[in-house]
């Protein structure tokens, strides 16, 4: 069995920072890609950032220069450092893992609210 668990969400003022964490467990081989997605009310779920096992990163245009994705392969962890947060960043943030020969699995999500 496989499990992805997010943590670190919360309420923050505009311009503030949060760091999200995602821990993978249960099937730790052939995990090739991990990423962060978000979904705001009334909007489609969208890719925020992802990172390969080789450390190659990809970001949505809306977060470039503000967010940083990183990973610790030995710990099967992925992180999202979010700086200069804006109200439009408010969403439920989901961690996703992609396994070769196994497909995609999602975490339960963590709420990020940016408001004054």
Protein backbone atom coordinates (compact mmCIF):
# COMPACT_ATOMS: atom_id res chain seq x y z
CA UNK A 1 0.00 0.00 0.00
CA UNK A 2 1.04 3.58 -0.60
CA UNK A 3 0.26 6.75 1.29
CA UNK A 4 1.01 10.41 0.68
CA UNK A 5 0.49 12.78 3.59
CA UNK A 6 0.70 16.57 3.31
CA UNK A 7 1.33 19.00 6.13
CA UNK A 8 2.16 22.65 6.67
CA UNK A 9 -0.92 24.42 5.39
CA UNK A 10 -2.60 27.23 7.25
CA UNK A 11 -3.59 30.88 7.28
CA UNK A 12 -1.04 33.50 6.27
CA UNK A 13 -1.16 37.19 5.38
CA UNK A 14 -0.38 38.44 1.87
CA UNK A 15 3.37 38.65 1.42
CA UNK A 16 3.97 35.91 3.96
CA UNK A 17 5.46 32.45 3.60
CA UNK A 18 4.54 28.83 4.22
CA UNK A 19 6.38 25.57 3.71
CA UNK A 20 4.41 22.47 2.73
CA UNK A 21 5.71 18.94 3.22
CA UNK A 22 4.65 15.64 1.70
CA UNK A 23 5.77 12.24 2.96
CA UNK A 24 5.45 9.09 0.85
CA UNK A 25 5.30 5.65 2.41
CA UNK A 26 4.41 2.06 1.57
CA UNK A 27 5.89 1.75 -1.92
CA UNK A 28 9.18 3.56 -2.18
CA UNK A 29 10.60 2.04 -5.36
CA UNK A 30 10.03 3.35 -8.90
CA UNK A 31 8.73 6.66 -7.56
CA UNK A 32 9.84 8.82 -10.48
CA UNK A 33 8.01 12.11 -10.01
CA UNK A 34 6.44 14.08 -7.20
CA UNK A 35 4.51 17.27 -7.50
CA UNK A 36 2.22 19.81 -5.95
CA UNK A 37 -1.19 20.71 -7.35
CA UNK A 38 -3.82 23.09 -6.08
CA UNK A 39 -7.53 23.61 -6.49
CA UNK A 40 -9.45 26.74 -5.58
CA UNK A 41 -13.26 26.86 -5.35
CA UNK A 42 -14.80 27.02 -8.80
CA UNK A 43 -11.50 26.34 -10.54
CA UNK A 44 -9.79 23.35 -12.10
CA UNK A 45 -7.03 21.56 -10.28
CA UNK A 46 -3.74 22.86 -11.61
CA UNK A 47 -0.09 21.92 -11.46
CA UNK A 48 1.96 24.15 -9.18
CA UNK A 49 5.36 22.47 -9.41
CA UNK A 50 6.91 19.05 -9.78
CA UNK A 51 10.30 17.43 -9.41
CA UNK A 52 11.84 14.26 -10.83
CA UNK A 53 14.07 11.81 -9.00
CA UNK A 54 16.96 13.46 -10.83
CA UNK A 55 16.02 16.86 -9.43
CA UNK A 56 14.59 18.44 -12.56
CA UNK A 57 11.92 20.98 -11.62
CA UNK A 58 8.94 22.49 -13.37
CA UNK A 59 6.77 25.42 -12.24
CA UNK A 60 3.52 27.02 -13.21
CA UNK A 61 4.03 30.53 -14.57
CA UNK A 62 1.92 31.97 -11.77
CA UNK A 63 4.37 30.83 -9.07
CA UNK A 64 7.74 31.17 -10.79
CA UNK A 65 10.14 33.18 -8.68
CA UNK A 66 7.99 32.82 -5.57
CA UNK A 67 7.72 29.07 -4.92
CA UNK A 68 10.48 26.48 -4.72
CA UNK A 69 9.99 22.73 -4.87
CA UNK A 70 12.61 20.45 -3.37
CA UNK A 71 12.93 16.81 -2.38
CA UNK A 72 14.83 14.47 -0.13
CA UNK A 73 14.88 11.13 -1.93
CA UNK A 74 16.39 9.28 1.02
CA UNK A 75 13.43 10.35 3.16
CA UNK A 76 10.86 10.12 0.35
CA UNK A 77 9.84 13.68 1.07
CA UNK A 78 8.93 16.60 -1.15
CA UNK A 79 8.58 20.21 -0.04
CA UNK A 80 7.07 23.39 -1.38
CA UNK A 81 8.47 26.65 -0.06
CA UNK A 82 5.95 29.39 -0.79
CA UNK A 83 7.08 33.01 -0.48
CA UNK A 84 5.42 36.32 -1.32
CA UNK A 85 2.03 34.69 -1.04
CA UNK A 86 -0.95 36.32 -2.70
CA UNK A 87 -4.68 35.92 -2.05
CA UNK A 88 -4.99 34.12 -5.39
CA UNK A 89 -2.74 31.39 -4.00
CA UNK A 90 -5.58 30.36 -1.68
CA UNK A 91 -6.48 26.76 -2.46
CA UNK A 92 -6.30 23.19 -1.28
CA UNK A 93 -2.82 21.94 -2.10
CA UNK A 94 -2.37 18.29 -3.04
CA UNK A 95 0.73 16.16 -3.23
CA UNK A 96 0.94 13.68 -6.10
CA UNK A 97 3.38 10.85 -6.71
CA UNK A 98 3.92 9.05 -10.01
CA UNK A 99 5.32 5.53 -10.03
CA UNK A 100 6.65 3.66 -13.02
CA UNK A 101 4.31 0.71 -13.58
CA UNK A 102 1.96 1.88 -10.85
CA UNK A 103 0.58 5.26 -11.92
CA UNK A 104 -0.48 8.26 -9.89
CA UNK A 105 -1.52 8.53 -6.25
CA UNK A 106 -2.74 11.61 -4.39
CA UNK A 107 -2.54 12.91 -0.87
CA UNK A 108 -5.55 14.15 1.05
CA UNK A 109 -4.76 17.84 0.56
CA UNK A 110 -3.92 20.69 2.90
CA UNK A 111 -5.65 24.07 2.98
CA UNK A 112 -3.65 27.23 2.30
CA UNK A 113 -5.47 30.50 2.92
CA UNK A 114 -3.85 33.85 2.13
CA UNK A 115 -5.87 36.68 3.61
CA UNK A 116 -5.48 39.88 5.60
